[in-house]
All heavy atoms as atom14 arrays in JSON, in Angstrom:
{
  "sequence": "GKTTLLMTICGRPQPWTGDIVFDGRSLVGLPTFQIARRGVAHVPEGRH",
  "atom14_mask": [
    [1, 1, 1, 1, 0, 0, 0, 0, 0, 0, 0, 0, 0, 0],
    [1, 1, 1, 1, 1, 1, 1, 1, 1, 0, 0, 0, 0, 0],
    [1, 1, 1, 1, 1, 1, 1, 0, 0, 0, 0, 0, 0, 0],
    [1, 1, 1, 1, 1, 1, 1, 0, 0, 0, 0, 0, 0, 0],
    [1, 1, 1, 1, 1, 1, 1, 1, 0, 0, 0, 0, 0, 0],
    [1, 1, 1, 1, 1, 1, 1, 1, 0, 0, 0, 0, 0, 0],
    [1, 1, 1, 1, 1, 1, 1, 1, 0, 0, 0, 0, 0, 0],
    [1, 1, 1, 1, 1, 1, 1, 0, 0, 0, 0, 0, 0, 0],
    [1, 1, 1, 1, 1, 1, 1, 1, 0, 0, 0, 0, 0, 0],
    [1, 1, 1, 1, 1, 1, 0, 0, 0, 0, 0, 0, 0, 0],
    [1, 1, 1, 1, 0, 0, 0, 0, 0, 0, 0, 0, 0, 0],
    [1, 1, 1, 1, 1, 1, 1, 1, 1, 1, 1, 0, 0, 0],
    [1, 1, 1, 1, 1, 1, 1, 0, 0, 0, 0, 0, 0, 0],
    [1, 1, 1, 1, 1, 1, 1, 1, 1, 0, 0, 0, 0, 0],
    [1, 1, 1, 1, 1, 1, 1, 0, 0, 0, 0, 0, 0, 0],
    [1, 1, 1, 1, 1, 1, 1, 1, 1, 1, 1, 1, 1, 1],
    [1, 1, 1, 1, 1, 1, 1, 0, 0, 0, 0, 0, 0, 0],
    [1, 1, 1, 1, 0, 0, 0, 0, 0, 0, 0, 0, 0, 0],
    [1, 1, 1, 1, 1, 1, 1, 1, 0, 0, 0, 0, 0, 0],
    [1, 1, 1, 1, 1, 1, 1, 1, 0, 0, 0, 0, 0, 0],
    [1, 1, 1, 1, 1, 1, 1, 0, 0, 0, 0, 0, 0, 0],
    [1, 1, 1, 1, 1, 1, 1, 1, 1, 1, 1, 0, 0, 0],
    [1, 1, 1, 1, 1, 1, 1, 1, 0, 0, 0, 0, 0, 0],
    [1, 1, 1, 1, 0, 0, 0, 0, 0, 0, 0, 0, 0, 0],
    [1, 1, 1, 1, 1, 1, 1, 1, 1, 1, 1, 0, 0, 0],
    [1, 1, 1, 1, 1, 1, 0, 0, 0, 0, 0, 0, 0, 0],
    [1, 1, 1, 1, 1, 1, 1, 1, 0, 0, 0, 0, 0, 0],
    [1, 1, 1, 1, 1, 1, 1, 0, 0, 0, 0, 0, 0, 0],
    [1, 1, 1, 1, 0, 0, 0, 0, 0, 0, 0, 0, 0, 0],
    [1, 1, 1, 1, 1, 1, 1, 1, 0, 0, 0, 0, 0, 0],
    [1, 1, 1, 1, 1, 1, 1, 0, 0, 0, 0, 0, 0, 0],
    [1, 1, 1, 1, 1, 1, 1, 0, 0, 0, 0, 0, 0, 0],
    [1, 1, 1, 1, 1, 1, 1, 1, 1, 1, 1, 0, 0, 0],
    [1, 1, 1, 1, 1, 1, 1, 1, 1, 0, 0, 0, 0, 0],
    [1, 1, 1, 1, 1, 1, 1, 1, 0, 0, 0, 0, 0, 0],
    [1, 1, 1, 1, 1, 0, 0, 0, 0, 0, 0, 0, 0, 0],
    [1, 1, 1, 1, 1, 1, 1, 1, 1, 1, 1, 0, 0, 0],
    [1, 1, 1, 1, 1, 1, 1, 1, 1, 1, 1, 0, 0, 0],
    [1, 1, 1, 1, 0, 0, 0, 0, 0, 0, 0, 0, 0, 0],
    [1, 1, 1, 1, 1, 1, 1, 0, 0, 0, 0, 0, 0, 0],
    [1, 1, 1, 1, 1, 0, 0, 0, 0, 0, 0, 0, 0, 0],
    [1, 1, 1, 1, 1, 1, 1, 1, 1, 1, 0, 0, 0, 0],
    [1, 1, 1, 1, 1, 1, 1, 0, 0, 0, 0, 0, 0, 0],
    [1, 1, 1, 1, 1, 1, 1, 0, 0, 0, 0, 0, 0, 0],
    [1, 1, 1, 1, 1, 1, 1, 1, 1, 0, 0, 0, 0, 0],
    [1, 1, 1, 1, 0, 0, 0, 0, 0, 0, 0, 0, 0, 0],
    [1, 1, 1, 1, 1, 1, 1, 1, 1, 1, 1, 0, 0, 0],
    [1, 1, 1, 1, 1, 1, 1, 1, 1, 1, 0, 0, 0, 0]
  ],
  "atom14_positions": [
    [[-4.54, -15.46, -3.86], [-3.7, -14.27, -3.89], [-2.94, -14.07, -5.18], [-2.1, -13.17, -5.28], [0.0, 0.0, 0.0], [0.0, 0.0, 0.0], [0.0, 0.0, 0.0], [0.0, 0.0, 0.0], [0.0, 0.0, 0.0], [0.0, 0.0, 0.0], [0.0, 0.0, 0.0], [0.0, 0.0, 0.0], [0.0, 0.0, 0.0], [0.0, 0.0, 0.0]],
    [[-3.22, -14.88, -6.2], [-2.47, -14.82, -7.45], [-2.63, -13.45, -8.13], [-1.64, -12.8, -8.48], [-2.9, -15.94, -8.39], [-2.77, -17.34, -7.81], [-3.06, -18.43, -8.83], [-4.44, -18.35, -9.46], [-5.53, -18.54, -8.47], [0.0, 0.0, 0.0], [0.0, 0.0, 0.0], [0.0, 0.0, 0.0], [0.0, 0.0, 0.0], [0.0, 0.0, 0.0]],
    [[-3.88, -13.05, -8.35], [-4.13, -11.78, -9.02], [-3.63, -10.61, -8.19], [-3.07, -9.64, -8.73], [-5.63, -11.63, -9.33], [-6.01, -12.62, -10.3], [-5.97, -10.26, -9.87], [0.0, 0.0, 0.0], [0.0, 0.0, 0.0], [0.0, 0.0, 0.0], [0.0, 0.0, 0.0], [0.0, 0.0, 0.0], [0.0, 0.0, 0.0], [0.0, 0.0, 0.0]],
    [[-3.8, -10.68, -6.88], [-3.31, -9.61, -6.01], [-1.81, -9.44, -6.16], [-1.29, -8.32, -6.16], [-3.67, -9.89, -4.54], [-5.1, -9.9, -4.41], [-3.1, -8.83, -3.62], [0.0, 0.0, 0.0], [0.0, 0.0, 0.0], [0.0, 0.0, 0.0], [0.0, 0.0, 0.0], [0.0, 0.0, 0.0], [0.0, 0.0, 0.0], [0.0, 0.0, 0.0]],
    [[-1.08, -10.55, -6.31], [0.36, -10.45, -6.47], [0.72, -9.7, -7.76], [1.57, -8.8, -7.74], [0.99, -11.84, -6.48], [2.51, -11.88, -6.71], [3.24, -11.09, -5.63], [3.01, -13.31, -6.76], [0.0, 0.0, 0.0], [0.0, 0.0, 0.0], [0.0, 0.0, 0.0], [0.0, 0.0, 0.0], [0.0, 0.0, 0.0], [0.0, 0.0, 0.0]],
    [[0.08, -10.04, -8.87], [0.37, -9.34, -10.11], [0.02, -7.86, -10.01], [0.77, -7.0, -10.47], [-0.41, -9.96, -11.28], [-0.01, -11.35, -11.76], [-0.57, -11.61, -13.15], [1.48, -11.56, -11.76], [0.0, 0.0, 0.0], [0.0, 0.0, 0.0], [0.0, 0.0, 0.0], [0.0, 0.0, 0.0], [0.0, 0.0, 0.0], [0.0, 0.0, 0.0]],
    [[-1.11, -7.57, -9.39], [-1.51, -6.17, -9.25], [-0.55, -5.4, -8.35], [-0.27, -4.22, -8.58], [-2.94, -6.1, -8.71], [-3.98, -6.64, -9.68], [-5.66, -6.66, -9.01], [-5.97, -4.9, -8.8], [0.0, 0.0, 0.0], [0.0, 0.0, 0.0], [0.0, 0.0, 0.0], [0.0, 0.0, 0.0], [0.0, 0.0, 0.0], [0.0, 0.0, 0.0]],
    [[-0.01, -6.06, -7.32], [0.96, -5.41, -6.44], [2.26, -5.13, -7.16], [2.88, -4.07, -6.97], [1.21, -6.27, -5.19], [-0.04, -6.53, -4.53], [2.12, -5.57, -4.21], [0.0, 0.0, 0.0], [0.0, 0.0, 0.0], [0.0, 0.0, 0.0], [0.0, 0.0, 0.0], [0.0, 0.0, 0.0], [0.0, 0.0, 0.0], [0.0, 0.0, 0.0]],
    [[2.69, -6.05, -8.01], [3.88, -5.8, -8.84], [3.66, -4.54, -9.68], [4.58, -3.74, -9.87], [4.17, -7.01, -9.75], [4.6, -8.22, -8.91], [5.27, -6.67, -10.77], [4.7, -9.52, -9.7], [0.0, 0.0, 0.0], [0.0, 0.0, 0.0], [0.0, 0.0, 0.0], [0.0, 0.0, 0.0], [0.0, 0.0, 0.0], [0.0, 0.0, 0.0]],
    [[2.43, -4.35, -10.15], [2.1, -3.19, -10.99], [1.74, -1.94, -10.2], [1.38, -0.92, -10.79], [0.95, -3.55, -11.93], [1.38, -4.79, -13.16], [0.0, 0.0, 0.0], [0.0, 0.0, 0.0], [0.0, 0.0, 0.0], [0.0, 0.0, 0.0], [0.0, 0.0, 0.0], [0.0, 0.0, 0.0], [0.0, 0.0, 0.0], [0.0, 0.0, 0.0]],
    [[1.82, -2.0, -8.87], [1.67, -0.79, -8.06], [0.29, -0.51, -7.51], [0.1, 0.51, -6.84], [0.0, 0.0, 0.0], [0.0, 0.0, 0.0], [0.0, 0.0, 0.0], [0.0, 0.0, 0.0], [0.0, 0.0, 0.0], [0.0, 0.0, 0.0], [0.0, 0.0, 0.0], [0.0, 0.0, 0.0], [0.0, 0.0, 0.0], [0.0, 0.0, 0.0]],
    [[-0.67, -1.38, -7.76], [-2.02, -1.19, -7.21], [-2.57, -2.53, -6.76], [-2.99, -3.31, -7.62], [-2.96, -0.58, -8.27], [-2.59, 0.85, -8.64], [-3.49, 1.37, -9.74], [-4.88, 1.49, -9.3], [-5.4, 2.61, -8.81], [-4.66, 3.67, -8.67], [-6.67, 2.65, -8.45], [0.0, 0.0, 0.0], [0.0, 0.0, 0.0], [0.0, 0.0, 0.0]],
    [[-2.53, -2.82, -5.45], [-2.15, -1.97, -4.32], [-0.63, -1.89, -4.15], [0.1, -2.72, -4.7], [-2.78, -2.69, -3.13], [-2.72, -4.15, -3.52], [-2.98, -4.17, -5.0], [0.0, 0.0, 0.0], [0.0, 0.0, 0.0], [0.0, 0.0, 0.0], [0.0, 0.0, 0.0], [0.0, 0.0, 0.0], [0.0, 0.0, 0.0], [0.0, 0.0, 0.0]],
    [[-0.2, -0.92, -3.39], [1.21, -0.82, -3.02], [1.52, -1.83, -1.91], [0.65, -2.15, -1.1], [1.54, 0.59, -2.53], [1.69, 1.61, -3.66], [2.98, 1.44, -4.44], [3.99, 0.98, -3.92], [2.94, 1.82, -5.72], [0.0, 0.0, 0.0], [0.0, 0.0, 0.0], [0.0, 0.0, 0.0], [0.0, 0.0, 0.0], [0.0, 0.0, 0.0]],
    [[2.76, -2.34, -1.88], [3.13, -3.28, -0.81], [3.03, -2.63, 0.57], [3.29, -1.43, 0.71], [4.58, -3.63, -1.14], [4.75, -3.29, -2.59], [3.85, -2.14, -2.86], [0.0, 0.0, 0.0], [0.0, 0.0, 0.0], [0.0, 0.0, 0.0], [0.0, 0.0, 0.0], [0.0, 0.0, 0.0], [0.0, 0.0, 0.0], [0.0, 0.0, 0.0]],
    [[2.68, -3.43, 1.55], [2.72, -2.97, 2.93], [4.14, -3.08, 3.47], [4.62, -2.18, 4.15], [1.77, -3.8, 3.79], [0.33, -3.61, 3.48], [-0.21, -2.79, 2.51], [-0.78, -4.25, 4.11], [-1.58, -2.88, 2.5], [-1.96, -3.77, 3.47], [-0.91, -5.18, 5.13], [-3.23, -4.2, 3.85], [-2.18, -5.61, 5.51], [-3.33, -5.12, 4.89]],
    [[4.77, -4.21, 3.24], [6.17, -4.42, 3.64], [6.86, -5.2, 2.53], [6.21, -5.76, 1.65], [6.29, -5.22, 4.95], [5.76, -6.54, 4.75], [5.54, -4.56, 6.09], [0.0, 0.0, 0.0], [0.0, 0.0, 0.0], [0.0, 0.0, 0.0], [0.0, 0.0, 0.0], [0.0, 0.0, 0.0], [0.0, 0.0, 0.0], [0.0, 0.0, 0.0]],
    [[8.18, -5.24, 2.61], [8.95, -6.0, 1.64], [9.36, -5.16, 0.45], [9.17, -3.94, 0.41], [0.0, 0.0, 0.0], [0.0, 0.0, 0.0], [0.0, 0.0, 0.0], [0.0, 0.0, 0.0], [0.0, 0.0, 0.0], [0.0, 0.0, 0.0], [0.0, 0.0, 0.0], [0.0, 0.0, 0.0], [0.0, 0.0, 0.0], [0.0, 0.0, 0.0]],
    [[9.93, -5.82, -0.56], [10.46, -5.12, -1.72], [10.16, -5.91, -2.99], [10.05, -7.14, -2.97], [11.97, -4.92, -1.57], [12.5, -3.76, -2.41], [11.69, -3.09, -3.09], [13.72, -3.52, -2.38], [0.0, 0.0, 0.0], [0.0, 0.0, 0.0], [0.0, 0.0, 0.0], [0.0, 0.0, 0.0], [0.0, 0.0, 0.0], [0.0, 0.0, 0.0]],
    [[10.04, -5.17, -4.09], [9.9, -5.74, -5.42], [10.99, -5.1, -6.27], [10.93, -3.91, -6.57], [8.52, -5.44, -6.04], [7.4, -5.97, -5.14], [8.41, -6.05, -7.44], [6.0, -5.5, -5.56], [0.0, 0.0, 0.0], [0.0, 0.0, 0.0], [0.0, 0.0, 0.0], [0.0, 0.0, 0.0], [0.0, 0.0, 0.0], [0.0, 0.0, 0.0]],
    [[11.99, -5.88, -6.63], [13.12, -5.37, -7.4], [13.03, -5.92, -8.81], [13.06, -7.14, -9.02], [14.46, -5.76, -6.75], [15.63, -5.26, -7.61], [14.56, -5.18, -5.35], [0.0, 0.0, 0.0], [0.0, 0.0, 0.0], [0.0, 0.0, 0.0], [0.0, 0.0, 0.0], [0.0, 0.0, 0.0], [0.0, 0.0, 0.0], [0.0, 0.0, 0.0]],
    [[12.91, -5.02, -9.79], [12.8, -5.42, -11.18], [13.97, -4.84, -11.96], [14.21, -3.64, -11.95], [11.48, -4.9, -11.78], [11.35, -5.15, -13.26], [11.15, -6.44, -13.74], [11.46, -4.12, -14.16], [11.04, -6.68, -15.09], [11.35, -4.34, -15.52], [11.14, -5.63, -15.99], [0.0, 0.0, 0.0], [0.0, 0.0, 0.0], [0.0, 0.0, 0.0]],
    [[14.71, -5.73, -12.61], [15.85, -5.32, -13.43], [16.8, -4.41, -12.64], [17.32, -3.42, -13.16], [15.35, -4.61, -14.69], [16.38, -4.62, -15.81], [17.31, -5.45, -15.77], [16.26, -3.78, -16.73], [0.0, 0.0, 0.0], [0.0, 0.0, 0.0], [0.0, 0.0, 0.0], [0.0, 0.0, 0.0], [0.0, 0.0, 0.0], [0.0, 0.0, 0.0]],
    [[16.99, -4.76, -11.36], [17.97, -4.07, -10.53], [17.46, -2.85, -9.77], [18.2, -2.25, -9.0], [0.0, 0.0, 0.0], [0.0, 0.0, 0.0], [0.0, 0.0, 0.0], [0.0, 0.0, 0.0], [0.0, 0.0, 0.0], [0.0, 0.0, 0.0], [0.0, 0.0, 0.0], [0.0, 0.0, 0.0], [0.0, 0.0, 0.0], [0.0, 0.0, 0.0]],
    [[16.18, -2.48, -9.97], [15.65, -1.29, -9.3], [14.32, -1.62, -8.63], [13.51, -2.37, -9.17], [15.46, -0.14, -10.29], [16.77, 0.36, -10.9], [16.55, 1.6, -11.74], [15.79, 1.32, -12.94], [15.44, 2.26, -13.83], [15.76, 3.52, -13.61], [14.76, 1.93, -14.92], [0.0, 0.0, 0.0], [0.0, 0.0, 0.0], [0.0, 0.0, 0.0]],
    [[14.09, -1.0, -7.46], [12.87, -1.25, -6.73], [11.68, -0.58, -7.41], [11.78, 0.55, -7.92], [12.99, -0.72, -5.3], [11.77, -0.9, -4.59], [0.0, 0.0, 0.0], [0.0, 0.0, 0.0], [0.0, 0.0, 0.0], [0.0, 0.0, 0.0], [0.0, 0.0, 0.0], [0.0, 0.0, 0.0], [0.0, 0.0, 0.0], [0.0, 0.0, 0.0]],
    [[10.56, -1.29, -7.4], [9.31, -0.74, -7.94], [8.42, -0.14, -6.85], [7.41, 0.5, -7.16], [8.52, -1.83, -8.67], [9.21, -2.53, -9.84], [8.26, -3.55, -10.46], [9.69, -1.54, -10.89], [0.0, 0.0, 0.0], [0.0, 0.0, 0.0], [0.0, 0.0, 0.0], [0.0, 0.0, 0.0], [0.0, 0.0, 0.0], [0.0, 0.0, 0.0]],
    [[8.77, -0.37, -5.59], [7.91, 0.06, -4.49], [7.78, 1.58, -4.48], [8.78, 2.31, -4.55], [8.46, -0.45, -3.15], [7.64, 0.11, -1.98], [8.44, -1.97, -3.12], [0.0, 0.0, 0.0], [0.0, 0.0, 0.0], [0.0, 0.0, 0.0], [0.0, 0.0, 0.0], [0.0, 0.0, 0.0], [0.0, 0.0, 0.0], [0.0, 0.0, 0.0]],
    [[6.54, 2.05, -4.39], [6.27, 3.48, -4.35], [6.05, 4.11, -5.7], [5.6, 5.26, -5.78], [0.0, 0.0, 0.0], [0.0, 0.0, 0.0], [0.0, 0.0, 0.0], [0.0, 0.0, 0.0], [0.0, 0.0, 0.0], [0.0, 0.0, 0.0], [0.0, 0.0, 0.0], [0.0, 0.0, 0.0], [0.0, 0.0, 0.0], [0.0, 0.0, 0.0]],
    [[6.34, 3.38, -6.78], [6.16, 3.95, -8.12], [4.7, 3.82, -8.56], [4.04, 2.82, -8.29], [7.04, 3.22, -9.13], [8.56, 3.35, -8.98], [9.25, 2.59, -10.1], [8.99, 4.81, -8.98], [0.0, 0.0, 0.0], [0.0, 0.0, 0.0], [0.0, 0.0, 0.0], [0.0, 0.0, 0.0], [0.0, 0.0, 0.0], [0.0, 0.0, 0.0]],
    [[4.19, 4.81, -9.3], [2.86, 4.67, -9.9], [2.91, 3.66, -11.04], [3.97, 3.38, -11.61], [2.55, 6.08, -10.4], [3.88, 6.73, -10.61], [4.79, 6.14, -9.58], [0.0, 0.0, 0.0], [0.0, 0.0, 0.0], [0.0, 0.0, 0.0], [0.0, 0.0, 0.0], [0.0, 0.0, 0.0], [0.0, 0.0, 0.0], [0.0, 0.0, 0.0]],
    [[1.76, 3.15, -11.41], [1.68, 2.08, -12.39], [2.31, 2.48, -13.73], [2.99, 1.68, -14.37], [0.22, 1.66, -12.6], [-0.31, 1.21, -11.34], [0.09, 0.56, -13.61], [0.0, 0.0, 0.0], [0.0, 0.0, 0.0], [0.0, 0.0, 0.0], [0.0, 0.0, 0.0], [0.0, 0.0, 0.0], [0.0, 0.0, 0.0], [0.0, 0.0, 0.0]],
    [[2.1, 3.71, -14.18], [2.61, 4.09, -15.5], [4.14, 4.07, -15.52], [4.74, 3.75, -16.56], [2.06, 5.45, -15.93], [2.67, 6.65, -15.26], [3.78, 7.29, -15.79], [2.13, 7.14, -14.07], [4.33, 8.4, -15.18], [2.68, 8.24, -13.45], [3.78, 8.88, -14.0], [0.0, 0.0, 0.0], [0.0, 0.0, 0.0], [0.0, 0.0, 0.0]],
    [[4.79, 4.39, -14.4], [6.25, 4.33, -14.37], [6.74, 2.89, -14.36], [7.79, 2.58, -14.94], [6.79, 5.1, -13.16], [6.64, 6.6, -13.29], [7.37, 7.35, -12.17], [8.15, 6.77, -11.42], [7.11, 8.64, -12.06], [0.0, 0.0, 0.0], [0.0, 0.0, 0.0], [0.0, 0.0, 0.0], [0.0, 0.0, 0.0], [0.0, 0.0, 0.0]],
    [[6.01, 2.0, -13.7], [6.36, 0.58, -13.71], [6.25, 0.04, -15.14], [7.11, -0.71, -15.61], [5.46, -0.2, -12.74], [5.75, 0.25, -11.29], [5.66, -1.71, -12.88], [4.78, -0.27, -10.26], [0.0, 0.0, 0.0], [0.0, 0.0, 0.0], [0.0, 0.0, 0.0], [0.0, 0.0, 0.0], [0.0, 0.0, 0.0], [0.0, 0.0, 0.0]],
    [[5.2, 0.44, -15.85], [5.04, 0.02, -17.25], [6.19, 0.54, -18.1], [6.72, -0.18, -18.96], [3.71, 0.51, -17.8], [0.0, 0.0, 0.0], [0.0, 0.0, 0.0], [0.0, 0.0, 0.0], [0.0, 0.0, 0.0], [0.0, 0.0, 0.0], [0.0, 0.0, 0.0], [0.0, 0.0, 0.0], [0.0, 0.0, 0.0], [0.0, 0.0, 0.0]],
    [[6.62, 1.77, -17.86], [7.72, 2.34, -18.63], [9.04, 1.64, -18.38], [9.94, 1.67, -19.23], [7.86, 3.84, -18.32], [6.79, 4.69, -18.96], [6.91, 6.15, -18.57], [5.91, 6.97, -19.26], [5.68, 8.25, -18.99], [6.38, 8.86, -18.03], [4.77, 8.92, -19.66], [0.0, 0.0, 0.0], [0.0, 0.0, 0.0], [0.0, 0.0, 0.0]],
    [[9.17, 0.99, -17.24], [10.39, 0.24, -16.96], [10.42, -1.11, -17.64], [11.43, -1.8, -17.6], [10.57, 0.08, -15.45], [10.91, 1.39, -14.75], [11.43, 1.17, -13.35], [11.8, 2.42, -12.71], [12.34, 2.52, -11.51], [12.56, 1.42, -10.79], [12.66, 3.69, -11.0], [0.0, 0.0, 0.0], [0.0, 0.0, 0.0], [0.0, 0.0, 0.0]],
    [[9.29, -1.52, -18.24], [9.3, -2.74, -19.03], [8.43, -3.86, -18.51], [8.62, -5.01, -18.9], [0.0, 0.0, 0.0], [0.0, 0.0, 0.0], [0.0, 0.0, 0.0], [0.0, 0.0, 0.0], [0.0, 0.0, 0.0], [0.0, 0.0, 0.0], [0.0, 0.0, 0.0], [0.0, 0.0, 0.0], [0.0, 0.0, 0.0], [0.0, 0.0, 0.0]],
    [[7.45, -3.55, -17.65], [6.53, -4.55, -17.13], [5.18, -4.37, -17.82], [4.58, -3.3, -17.75], [6.34, -4.43, -15.6], [5.35, -5.48, -15.1], [7.67, -4.58, -14.89], [0.0, 0.0, 0.0], [0.0, 0.0, 0.0], [0.0, 0.0, 0.0], [0.0, 0.0, 0.0], [0.0, 0.0, 0.0], [0.0, 0.0, 0.0], [0.0, 0.0, 0.0]],
    [[4.71, -5.42, -18.5], [3.4, -5.38, -19.16], [2.48, -6.4, -18.52], [2.87, -7.54, -18.27], [3.55, -5.68, -20.65], [0.0, 0.0, 0.0], [0.0, 0.0, 0.0], [0.0, 0.0, 0.0], [0.0, 0.0, 0.0], [0.0, 0.0, 0.0], [0.0, 0.0, 0.0], [0.0, 0.0, 0.0], [0.0, 0.0, 0.0], [0.0, 0.0, 0.0]],
    [[1.26, -5.98, -18.27], [0.28, -6.8, -17.56], [-0.89, -7.11, -18.49], [-1.53, -6.19, -19.0], [-0.21, -6.03, -16.32], [-1.16, -6.78, -15.46], [-2.02, -6.15, -14.58], [-1.43, -8.1, -15.33], [-2.75, -7.04, -13.95], [-2.41, -8.24, -14.4], [0.0, 0.0, 0.0], [0.0, 0.0, 0.0], [0.0, 0.0, 0.0], [0.0, 0.0, 0.0]],
    [[-1.15, -8.38, -18.71], [-2.36, -8.81, -19.43], [-3.32, -9.33, -18.37], [-3.18, -10.44, -17.87], [-2.04, -9.91, -20.47], [-3.31, -10.32, -21.2], [-0.99, -9.41, -21.46], [0.0, 0.0, 0.0], [0.0, 0.0, 0.0], [0.0, 0.0, 0.0], [0.0, 0.0, 0.0], [0.0, 0.0, 0.0], [0.0, 0.0, 0.0], [0.0, 0.0, 0.0]],
    [[-4.31, -8.53, -17.99], [-5.14, -8.87, -16.82], [-6.15, -9.97, -17.11], [-6.48, -10.26, -18.27], [-5.85, -7.55, -16.5], [-5.95, -6.86, -17.82], [-4.69, -7.24, -18.58], [0.0, 0.0, 0.0], [0.0, 0.0, 0.0], [0.0, 0.0, 0.0], [0.0, 0.0, 0.0], [0.0, 0.0, 0.0], [0.0, 0.0, 0.0], [0.0, 0.0, 0.0]],
    [[-6.63, -10.57, -16.05], [-7.73, -11.52, -16.17], [-8.94, -10.81, -16.78], [-9.28, -9.7, -16.39], [-8.09, -12.07, -14.79], [-9.22, -13.08, -14.8], [-9.57, -13.59, -13.41], [-8.82, -13.3, -12.46], [-10.61, -14.28, -13.28], [0.0, 0.0, 0.0], [0.0, 0.0, 0.0], [0.0, 0.0, 0.0], [0.0, 0.0, 0.0], [0.0, 0.0, 0.0]],
    [[-9.57, -11.46, -17.75], [-10.71, -10.83, -18.41], [-10.32, -9.94, -19.57], [-11.18, -9.31, -20.18], [0.0, 0.0, 0.0], [0.0, 0.0, 0.0], [0.0, 0.0, 0.0], [0.0, 0.0, 0.0], [0.0, 0.0, 0.0], [0.0, 0.0, 0.0], [0.0, 0.0, 0.0], [0.0, 0.0, 0.0], [0.0, 0.0, 0.0], [0.0, 0.0, 0.0]],
    [[-9.02, -9.83, -19.85], [-8.47, -9.19, -21.05], [-8.52, -7.67, -21.0], [-7.54, -7.0, -21.25], [-9.15, -9.74, -22.31], [-8.98, -11.24, -22.44], [-9.74, -11.8, -23.61], [-11.14, -12.02, -23.35], [-11.64, -13.11, -22.78], [-10.85, -14.08, -22.39], [-12.93, -13.24, -22.62], [0.0, 0.0, 0.0], [0.0, 0.0, 0.0], [0.0, 0.0, 0.0]],
    [[-9.68, -7.08, -20.74], [-9.82, -5.62, -20.61], [-9.27, -4.87, -21.82], [-8.54, -3.89, -21.67], [-9.16, -5.13, -19.32], [-9.85, -5.6, -18.08], [-11.02, -5.04, -17.62], [-9.55, -6.6, -17.22], [-11.41, -5.67, -16.51], [-10.54, -6.63, -16.26], [0.0, 0.0, 0.0], [0.0, 0.0, 0.0], [0.0, 0.0, 0.0], [0.0, 0.0, 0.0]]
  ]
}
């Protein structure tokens, strides 16, 4: 579940339950581009 966790932090997939709070604000429900704008950068497996 390691990769799934990183992808869920980035909004794809969205959480079913629970919360992800980054720098004081929830990320749940936000699209990936807004999560990136808040300061989260993802270097995926396989580099892409």
